[in-house]
Amino acid sequence: MAELVLHGIPGSNYVRACRLALEEKGVAYTHDPVMLRTPEALAHHPWGKVPALTHGDVTLYEALAVTRYIDEAFDGPALQPADAAGRARMNQWISAFNAYLDPAFIRKIVIQRLLRDPSDEEIIAAGVPEAAKCLEILDEALADAPYLAGDSVTLADLFVLPALNYLAMTPEGGPLLENRGNVTAWMDRMMARDSAQAILAA
């Protein structure tokens, strides 16, 4: 069988979402830790970003395409709902993550707080109310179901978890997550999974 290689910087939350999918499916793979906008990244992604995947004659880039391929090309537990409404809810959350959660959690708080020295406090201050709104909406969504698209883990959960795991590492994370019991209970359920222990707890 052709070797599957996931290309991307290990710290990327999108690369981590793909690795979670691979672990959930039990797929053997090699992780190629290429950096952004390098010749190595450009070899698989025309914009030099991550993640990208190569599997035999298949080359894919962008996390949604990669994770859907992982789910559909391999045996193992399904990571996409079988019904149209469930798949739509999953896709809705992935779209919302890309548009709202990732910019607030990662771009405005996590990157500034964990990767920039000095941090830009104005950017962080702008991100905190945006992150609070995102967490409010997440908390409401998780009041009625254990996972974002219903009763089982889907790709939506795998997209959101790495970002929230990072947010919790920042000084802003504790206050933002306080009184968001549905979100923190979901995080506990997700972090207890073997996939999260392998990728996020290491």
Foldseek 3Di string as FASTA:
>chain_A
DFAKEKEEALLDLLSLLLLLLCVQFVHDHHYHHDYAPDPVQCVQDVRRHDIWMDTPPDIGGDSVVSSVCSQPVGDHDHQADPDPQLNVQLVVLVVCCVVQVCCLQPVQFLCQQPPDVPRDVVSNVVSLVSNLVVLVVVLVCLVVALERSHPDHHSSRSSPQSSLLSSCVGPSNVVSCPPSVSVVVSNVVVCPDPSNCVRPVD
